[in-house]
Amino acid sequence: MKKNTLESLTWMRMTRFVTESNHLSNEFLKRFDLTVAQFDVLIQIQTYQPITQSKLAEKVTVTQGGISRMLARLEKDGLIERKQEWKIKKISLTEKGEDILKIATPEQVAFQSSFFNEALTEEELKLIYELTTKLQKHTHEKSLQPE
């Protein structure tokens, strides 16, 4: 078997970190009857509302089919509303959705921040922020290039 490269080991560590932190966040967000994916969708809706389903799907890591099911659930739970505007449905938060995010957002941010604050110095945190920003910009540019 070929030895893993530093690049592949780094990618695997980053993937493992995201998976494990999402698992912990899913457990944490159960108190609000939300998953990480639902929380992310609600934050995106709050930020860009009113937003179309296709624009929302571009901003989150959920498939088009998955987003349809999730939005149906969030609508059933009274957290969002979808209004038809001519041929387009626009999605917005309801008052209940806004109220949940007012409580859940600062708690979730503090919970996620603790992963970094408990393990890294301020200098390390700044460095990892700079490096992950550089990686994200590079992958974004690659995603825009024609195949």
N, C-alpha and C. Protein backbone atom coordinates (compact mmCIF):
# COMPACT_ATOMS: atom_id res chain seq x y z
N MET A 1 0.84 -1.19 0.00
CA MET A 1 0.00 0.00 0.00
C MET A 1 0.88 1.25 0.00
N LYS A 2 0.47 2.20 -0.76
CA LYS A 2 1.21 3.45 -0.88
C LYS A 2 1.06 4.28 0.40
N LYS A 3 2.11 4.94 0.80
CA LYS A 3 2.07 5.80 1.98
C LYS A 3 1.23 7.04 1.70
N ASN A 4 0.42 7.44 2.66
CA ASN A 4 -0.38 8.66 2.51
C ASN A 4 0.52 9.88 2.47
N THR A 5 0.13 10.85 1.69
CA THR A 5 0.86 12.11 1.62
C THR A 5 0.39 13.03 2.74
N LEU A 6 1.18 14.03 3.02
CA LEU A 6 0.78 15.03 4.02
C LEU A 6 -0.53 15.69 3.61
N GLU A 7 -0.68 15.93 2.30
CA GLU A 7 -1.91 16.55 1.80
C GLU A 7 -3.13 15.66 2.06
N SER A 8 -3.00 14.37 1.78
CA SER A 8 -4.15 13.47 1.99
C SER A 8 -4.44 13.29 3.47
N LEU A 9 -3.40 13.23 4.28
CA LEU A 9 -3.61 13.11 5.73
C LEU A 9 -4.30 14.37 6.29
N THR A 10 -3.90 15.53 5.78
CA THR A 10 -4.52 16.79 6.22
C THR A 10 -5.97 16.82 5.82
N TRP A 11 -6.26 16.45 4.58
CA TRP A 11 -7.65 16.41 4.11
C TRP A 11 -8.48 15.45 4.98
N MET A 12 -7.92 14.26 5.27
CA MET A 12 -8.67 13.29 6.10
C MET A 12 -8.92 13.85 7.50
N ARG A 13 -7.93 14.53 8.08
CA ARG A 13 -8.12 15.13 9.41
C ARG A 13 -9.20 16.20 9.40
N MET A 14 -9.17 17.03 8.36
CA MET A 14 -10.18 18.09 8.25
C MET A 14 -11.57 17.48 8.09
N THR A 15 -11.67 16.46 7.27
CA THR A 15 -12.95 15.78 7.06
C THR A 15 -13.44 15.15 8.35
N ARG A 16 -12.53 14.50 9.05
CA ARG A 16 -12.89 13.86 10.32
C ARG A 16 -13.35 14.90 11.35
N PHE A 17 -12.64 16.04 11.41
CA PHE A 17 -13.03 17.10 12.33
C PHE A 17 -14.44 17.60 12.03
N VAL A 18 -14.73 17.87 10.76
CA VAL A 18 -16.05 18.37 10.38
C VAL A 18 -17.12 17.32 10.73
N THR A 19 -16.86 16.07 10.42
CA THR A 19 -17.83 15.00 10.71
C THR A 19 -18.09 14.90 12.21
N GLU A 20 -17.02 14.89 12.99
CA GLU A 20 -17.19 14.76 14.44
C GLU A 20 -17.84 15.99 15.06
N SER A 21 -17.46 17.19 14.60
CA SER A 21 -18.08 18.39 15.17
C SER A 21 -19.55 18.48 14.76
N ASN A 22 -19.89 18.03 13.54
CA ASN A 22 -21.30 18.00 13.14
C ASN A 22 -22.09 17.00 13.97
N HIS A 23 -21.48 15.86 14.27
CA HIS A 23 -22.16 14.87 15.13
C HIS A 23 -22.44 15.48 16.51
N LEU A 24 -21.44 16.12 17.09
CA LEU A 24 -21.63 16.76 18.40
C LEU A 24 -22.67 17.88 18.33
N SER A 25 -22.64 18.65 17.25
CA SER A 25 -23.62 19.73 17.09
C SER A 25 -25.03 19.19 16.89
N ASN A 26 -25.16 18.08 16.17
CA ASN A 26 -26.49 17.47 16.03
C ASN A 26 -27.05 17.10 17.40
N GLU A 27 -26.20 16.55 18.26
CA GLU A 27 -26.64 16.23 19.62
C GLU A 27 -27.00 17.50 20.38
N PHE A 28 -26.17 18.52 20.25
CA PHE A 28 -26.40 19.79 20.94
C PHE A 28 -27.69 20.45 20.47
N LEU A 29 -27.95 20.43 19.17
CA LEU A 29 -29.13 21.12 18.61
C LEU A 29 -30.44 20.36 18.82
N LYS A 30 -30.37 19.15 19.34
CA LYS A 30 -31.60 18.40 19.61
C LYS A 30 -32.51 19.16 20.57
N ARG A 31 -31.93 19.96 21.45
CA ARG A 31 -32.74 20.73 22.41
C ARG A 31 -33.65 21.73 21.70
N PHE A 32 -33.31 22.07 20.44
CA PHE A 32 -34.14 22.96 19.64
C PHE A 32 -34.91 22.19 18.57
N ASP A 33 -34.81 20.87 18.62
CA ASP A 33 -35.44 19.98 17.63
C ASP A 33 -34.94 20.30 16.23
N LEU A 34 -33.62 20.54 16.12
CA LEU A 34 -32.98 20.87 14.85
C LEU A 34 -31.76 19.98 14.62
N THR A 35 -31.41 19.80 13.35
CA THR A 35 -30.14 19.19 12.98
C THR A 35 -29.21 20.30 12.51
N VAL A 36 -27.94 19.97 12.33
CA VAL A 36 -26.98 20.95 11.81
C VAL A 36 -27.42 21.44 10.43
N ALA A 37 -27.86 20.52 9.58
CA ALA A 37 -28.30 20.90 8.24
C ALA A 37 -29.50 21.84 8.30
N GLN A 38 -30.46 21.54 9.17
CA GLN A 38 -31.64 22.41 9.31
C GLN A 38 -31.23 23.78 9.86
N PHE A 39 -30.34 23.78 10.83
CA PHE A 39 -29.86 25.03 11.41
C PHE A 39 -29.20 25.88 10.32
N ASP A 40 -28.35 25.25 9.51
CA ASP A 40 -27.67 25.96 8.42
C ASP A 40 -28.69 26.53 7.44
N VAL A 41 -29.69 25.75 7.08
CA VAL A 41 -30.73 26.23 6.15
C VAL A 41 -31.48 27.41 6.75
N LEU A 42 -31.83 27.32 8.02
CA LEU A 42 -32.55 28.43 8.66
C LEU A 42 -31.70 29.70 8.71
N ILE A 43 -30.40 29.55 8.99
CA ILE A 43 -29.50 30.71 9.01
C ILE A 43 -29.41 31.33 7.62
N GLN A 44 -29.31 30.51 6.59
CA GLN A 44 -29.25 31.03 5.22
C GLN A 44 -30.55 31.74 4.85
N ILE A 45 -31.67 31.16 5.24
CA ILE A 45 -32.96 31.81 4.96
C ILE A 45 -33.02 33.16 5.69
N GLN A 46 -32.62 33.16 6.96
CA GLN A 46 -32.65 34.40 7.73
C GLN A 46 -31.77 35.47 7.08
N THR A 47 -30.64 35.09 6.58
CA THR A 47 -29.68 36.02 5.99
C THR A 47 -30.17 36.58 4.65
N TYR A 48 -30.78 35.73 3.82
CA TYR A 48 -31.10 36.13 2.45
C TYR A 48 -32.60 36.22 2.16
N GLN A 49 -33.44 36.14 3.17
CA GLN A 49 -34.88 36.11 2.92
C GLN A 49 -35.41 37.40 2.31
N PRO A 50 -36.41 37.29 1.47
CA PRO A 50 -36.97 36.05 0.93
C PRO A 50 -36.03 35.46 -0.11
N ILE A 51 -35.89 34.14 -0.13
CA ILE A 51 -34.96 33.46 -1.01
C ILE A 51 -35.68 32.33 -1.74
N THR A 52 -35.25 32.07 -2.97
CA THR A 52 -35.85 30.96 -3.72
C THR A 52 -35.19 29.66 -3.28
N GLN A 53 -35.88 28.56 -3.56
CA GLN A 53 -35.34 27.25 -3.19
C GLN A 53 -34.04 26.96 -3.94
N SER A 54 -33.96 27.33 -5.20
CA SER A 54 -32.73 27.05 -5.96
C SER A 54 -31.55 27.86 -5.43
N LYS A 55 -31.76 29.12 -5.07
CA LYS A 55 -30.69 29.94 -4.50
C LYS A 55 -30.26 29.38 -3.14
N LEU A 56 -31.23 28.93 -2.36
CA LEU A 56 -30.93 28.34 -1.06
C LEU A 56 -30.10 27.07 -1.23
N ALA A 57 -30.46 26.23 -2.19
CA ALA A 57 -29.73 24.98 -2.42
C ALA A 57 -28.27 25.24 -2.80
N GLU A 58 -28.00 26.36 -3.47
CA GLU A 58 -26.63 26.72 -3.84
C GLU A 58 -25.79 27.08 -2.61
N LYS A 59 -26.45 27.56 -1.56
CA LYS A 59 -25.74 28.05 -0.39
C LYS A 59 -25.50 27.01 0.68
N VAL A 60 -26.15 25.87 0.59
CA VAL A 60 -26.03 24.84 1.62
C VAL A 60 -25.56 23.53 1.00
N THR A 61 -25.17 22.61 1.85
CA THR A 61 -24.66 21.33 1.38
C THR A 61 -25.75 20.26 1.42
N VAL A 62 -26.88 20.58 0.84
CA VAL A 62 -28.00 19.65 0.78
C VAL A 62 -28.41 19.53 -0.68
N THR A 63 -28.74 18.32 -1.11
CA THR A 63 -29.15 18.13 -2.51
C THR A 63 -30.50 18.79 -2.75
N GLN A 64 -30.84 18.98 -4.03
CA GLN A 64 -32.12 19.59 -4.39
C GLN A 64 -33.29 18.78 -3.80
N GLY A 65 -33.21 17.45 -3.91
CA GLY A 65 -34.26 16.61 -3.32
C GLY A 65 -34.28 16.70 -1.81
N GLY A 66 -33.10 16.73 -1.22
CA GLY A 66 -33.00 16.84 0.23
C GLY A 66 -33.54 18.16 0.74
N ILE A 67 -33.27 19.22 0.00
CA ILE A 67 -33.75 20.53 0.42
C ILE A 67 -35.27 20.59 0.35
N SER A 68 -35.86 19.95 -0.64
CA SER A 68 -37.33 19.92 -0.75
C SER A 68 -37.95 19.25 0.47
N ARG A 69 -37.40 18.10 0.85
CA ARG A 69 -37.91 17.38 2.03
C ARG A 69 -37.70 18.20 3.30
N MET A 70 -36.52 18.80 3.41
CA MET A 70 -36.23 19.59 4.60
C MET A 70 -37.15 20.79 4.72
N LEU A 71 -37.37 21.48 3.61
CA LEU A 71 -38.26 22.65 3.64
C LEU A 71 -39.68 22.25 3.99
N ALA A 72 -40.13 21.10 3.50
CA ALA A 72 -41.47 20.61 3.85
C ALA A 72 -41.57 20.39 5.35
N ARG A 73 -40.53 19.83 5.95
CA ARG A 73 -40.51 19.58 7.39
C ARG A 73 -40.47 20.89 8.17
N LEU A 74 -39.63 21.81 7.74
CA LEU A 74 -39.53 23.10 8.43
C LEU A 74 -40.83 23.90 8.32
N GLU A 75 -41.49 23.77 7.18
CA GLU A 75 -42.78 24.44 6.99
C GLU A 75 -43.84 23.80 7.89
N LYS A 76 -43.85 22.47 7.94
CA LYS A 76 -44.80 21.74 8.80
C LYS A 76 -44.60 22.11 10.27
N ASP A 77 -43.32 22.31 10.66
CA ASP A 77 -43.00 22.69 12.04
C ASP A 77 -43.26 24.18 12.32
N GLY A 78 -43.66 24.92 11.28
CA GLY A 78 -43.99 26.33 11.47
C GLY A 78 -42.80 27.26 11.54
N LEU A 79 -41.62 26.81 11.05
CA LEU A 79 -40.42 27.64 11.13
C LEU A 79 -40.20 28.49 9.89
N ILE A 80 -40.76 28.05 8.76
CA ILE A 80 -40.63 28.82 7.52
C ILE A 80 -41.99 28.91 6.85
N GLU A 81 -42.06 29.82 5.89
CA GLU A 81 -43.24 29.89 5.03
C GLU A 81 -42.76 30.07 3.60
N ARG A 82 -43.53 29.46 2.69
CA ARG A 82 -43.21 29.59 1.27
C ARG A 82 -44.38 30.31 0.62
N LYS A 83 -44.08 31.42 -0.04
CA LYS A 83 -45.11 32.21 -0.71
C LYS A 83 -44.85 32.23 -2.19
N GLN A 84 -45.90 31.98 -2.94
CA GLN A 84 -45.80 32.00 -4.40
C GLN A 84 -45.81 33.45 -4.88
N GLU A 85 -44.77 33.83 -5.63
CA GLU A 85 -44.71 35.15 -6.26
C GLU A 85 -44.57 34.91 -7.75
N TRP A 86 -45.66 35.02 -8.44
CA TRP A 86 -45.77 34.71 -9.85
C TRP A 86 -45.39 33.26 -10.06
N LYS A 87 -44.27 32.95 -10.74
CA LYS A 87 -43.89 31.55 -10.97
C LYS A 87 -42.89 31.03 -9.94
N ILE A 88 -42.50 31.88 -9.02
CA ILE A 88 -41.42 31.54 -8.09
C ILE A 88 -41.94 31.52 -6.66
N LYS A 89 -41.51 30.46 -5.91
CA LYS A 89 -41.81 30.41 -4.48
C LYS A 89 -40.66 31.03 -3.72
N LYS A 90 -40.99 31.96 -2.83
CA LYS A 90 -40.00 32.62 -1.99
C LYS A 90 -40.14 32.09 -0.56
N ILE A 91 -39.02 31.84 0.07
CA ILE A 91 -38.99 31.26 1.40
C ILE A 91 -38.54 32.31 2.40
N SER A 92 -39.26 32.37 3.53
CA SER A 92 -38.92 33.29 4.62
C SER A 92 -39.12 32.56 5.94
N LEU A 93 -38.50 33.09 6.97
CA LEU A 93 -38.74 32.55 8.31
C LEU A 93 -40.06 33.07 8.85
N THR A 94 -40.70 32.26 9.65
CA THR A 94 -41.87 32.72 10.40
C THR A 94 -41.38 33.35 11.69
N GLU A 95 -42.29 33.91 12.44
CA GLU A 95 -41.92 34.46 13.74
C GLU A 95 -41.35 33.37 14.65
N LYS A 96 -41.94 32.18 14.58
CA LYS A 96 -41.44 31.04 15.37
C LYS A 96 -40.01 30.69 14.97
N GLY A 97 -39.73 30.70 13.66
CA GLY A 97 -38.37 30.43 13.17
C GLY A 97 -37.38 31.47 13.66
N GLU A 98 -37.78 32.74 13.58
CA GLU A 98 -36.92 33.83 14.08
C GLU A 98 -36.65 33.66 15.57
N ASP A 99 -37.71 33.32 16.33
CA ASP A 99 -37.55 33.16 17.78
C ASP A 99 -36.60 32.03 18.13
N ILE A 100 -36.68 30.91 17.42
CA ILE A 100 -35.78 29.78 17.70
C ILE A 100 -34.34 30.18 17.40
N LEU A 101 -34.13 30.87 16.28
CA LEU A 101 -32.76 31.28 15.94
C LEU A 101 -32.19 32.29 16.92
N LYS A 102 -33.04 33.15 17.48
CA LYS A 102 -32.56 34.12 18.48
C LYS A 102 -31.92 33.41 19.67
N ILE A 103 -32.47 32.26 20.02
CA ILE A 103 -31.95 31.50 21.16
C ILE A 103 -30.86 30.53 20.71
N ALA A 104 -31.11 29.81 19.62
CA ALA A 104 -30.20 28.74 19.19
C ALA A 104 -28.87 29.27 18.65
N THR A 105 -28.89 30.38 17.94
CA THR A 105 -27.67 30.85 17.28
C THR A 105 -26.55 31.17 18.26
N PRO A 106 -26.78 32.01 19.28
CA PRO A 106 -25.65 32.29 20.18
C PRO A 106 -25.18 31.03 20.93
N GLU A 107 -26.10 30.13 21.25
CA GLU A 107 -25.70 28.90 21.94
C GLU A 107 -24.88 27.99 21.03
N GLN A 108 -25.30 27.88 19.77
CA GLN A 108 -24.57 27.04 18.81
C GLN A 108 -23.20 27.65 18.49
N VAL A 109 -23.14 28.95 18.33
CA VAL A 109 -21.86 29.61 18.07
C VAL A 109 -20.91 29.38 19.24
N ALA A 110 -21.39 29.52 20.47
CA ALA A 110 -20.55 29.30 21.65
C ALA A 110 -20.08 27.84 21.71
N PHE A 111 -20.98 26.92 21.40
CA PHE A 111 -20.65 25.49 21.42
C PHE A 111 -19.57 25.19 20.38
N GLN A 112 -19.76 25.65 19.14
CA GLN A 112 -18.77 25.41 18.09
C GLN A 112 -17.45 26.12 18.41
N SER A 113 -17.52 27.32 18.93
CA SER A 113 -16.31 28.07 19.26
C SER A 113 -15.48 27.35 20.31
N SER A 114 -16.15 26.64 21.21
CA SER A 114 -15.43 25.94 22.27
C SER A 114 -14.46 24.89 21.72
N PHE A 115 -14.78 24.29 20.57
CA PHE A 115 -13.87 23.31 19.97
C PHE A 115 -12.52 23.96 19.69
N PHE A 116 -12.55 25.21 19.27
CA PHE A 116 -11.33 25.92 18.91
C PHE A 116 -10.68 26.55 20.14
N ASN A 117 -11.49 27.22 20.97
CA ASN A 117 -10.95 27.92 22.13
C ASN A 117 -10.30 26.99 23.14
N GLU A 118 -10.82 25.77 23.24
CA GLU A 118 -10.27 24.82 24.21
C GLU A 118 -8.99 24.14 23.72
N ALA A 119 -8.75 24.14 22.40
CA ALA A 119 -7.62 23.39 21.85
C ALA A 119 -6.53 24.26 21.25
N LEU A 120 -6.84 25.50 20.88
CA LEU A 120 -5.89 26.32 20.15
C LEU A 120 -5.59 27.63 20.87
N THR A 121 -4.37 28.12 20.69
CA THR A 121 -4.04 29.45 21.18
C THR A 121 -4.63 30.46 20.19
N GLU A 122 -4.62 31.73 20.57
CA GLU A 122 -5.14 32.75 19.66
C GLU A 122 -4.31 32.82 18.39
N GLU A 123 -2.99 32.68 18.51
CA GLU A 123 -2.12 32.68 17.33
C GLU A 123 -2.44 31.51 16.40
N GLU A 124 -2.63 30.31 16.98
CA GLU A 124 -2.97 29.14 16.18
C GLU A 124 -4.32 29.32 15.50
N LEU A 125 -5.26 29.90 16.21
CA LEU A 125 -6.58 30.14 15.65
C LEU A 125 -6.51 31.10 14.46
N LYS A 126 -5.73 32.18 14.60
CA LYS A 126 -5.56 33.12 13.49
C LYS A 126 -4.92 32.42 12.29
N LEU A 127 -3.92 31.59 12.55
CA LEU A 127 -3.23 30.88 11.47
C LEU A 127 -4.16 29.91 10.76
N ILE A 128 -4.91 29.13 11.52
CA ILE A 128 -5.82 28.16 10.90
C ILE A 128 -6.91 28.89 10.12
N TYR A 129 -7.35 30.04 10.62
CA TYR A 129 -8.35 30.85 9.89
C TYR A 129 -7.76 31.32 8.55
N GLU A 130 -6.55 31.85 8.59
CA GLU A 130 -5.91 32.32 7.36
C GLU A 130 -5.73 31.18 6.35
N LEU A 131 -5.27 30.04 6.83
CA LEU A 131 -5.01 28.91 5.93
C LEU A 131 -6.30 28.31 5.37
N THR A 132 -7.32 28.17 6.19
CA THR A 132 -8.58 27.61 5.67
C THR A 132 -9.27 28.59 4.73
N THR A 133 -9.10 29.89 4.98
CA THR A 133 -9.64 30.90 4.05
C THR A 133 -8.94 30.78 2.70
N LYS A 134 -7.63 30.62 2.72
CA LYS A 134 -6.85 30.47 1.49
C LYS A 134 -7.30 29.21 0.73
N LEU A 135 -7.47 28.11 1.44
CA LEU A 135 -7.94 26.86 0.81
C LEU A 135 -9.34 27.01 0.23
N GLN A 136 -10.22 27.65 0.97
CA GLN A 136 -11.60 27.81 0.51
C GLN A 136 -11.64 28.67 -0.75
N LYS A 137 -10.88 29.75 -0.78
CA LYS A 137 -10.84 30.61 -1.97
C LYS A 137 -10.31 29.84 -3.18
N HIS A 138 -9.29 29.04 -2.95
CA HIS A 138 -8.71 28.24 -4.04
C HIS A 138 -9.72 27.22 -4.58
N THR A 139 -10.39 26.52 -3.69
CA THR A 139 -11.37 25.52 -4.16
C THR A 139 -12.55 26.20 -4.83
N HIS A 140 -12.92 27.38 -4.35
CA HIS A 140 -14.01 28.12 -4.99
C HIS A 140 -13.62 28.52 -6.42
N GLU A 141 -12.41 29.00 -6.59
CA GLU A 141 -11.93 29.37 -7.92
C GLU A 141 -11.90 28.15 -8.84
N LYS A 142 -11.46 27.02 -8.32
CA LYS A 142 -11.42 25.79 -9.14
C LYS A 142 -12.84 25.36 -9.54
N SER A 143 -13.79 25.58 -8.64
CA SER A 143 -15.17 25.18 -8.94
C SER A 143 -15.79 26.04 -10.04
N LEU A 144 -15.25 27.23 -10.25
CA LEU A 144 -15.76 28.13 -11.28
C LEU A 144 -15.13 27.89 -12.65
N GLN A 145 -14.04 27.13 -12.68
CA GLN A 145 -13.35 26.86 -13.95
C GLN A 145 -14.13 25.84 -14.76
N PRO A 146 -14.22 26.08 -16.08
CA PRO A 146 -14.91 25.10 -16.92
C PRO A 146 -14.10 23.79 -16.99
N GLU A 147 -14.84 22.70 -17.12
CA GLU A 147 -14.16 21.39 -17.16
C GLU A 147 -13.67 21.04 -18.53
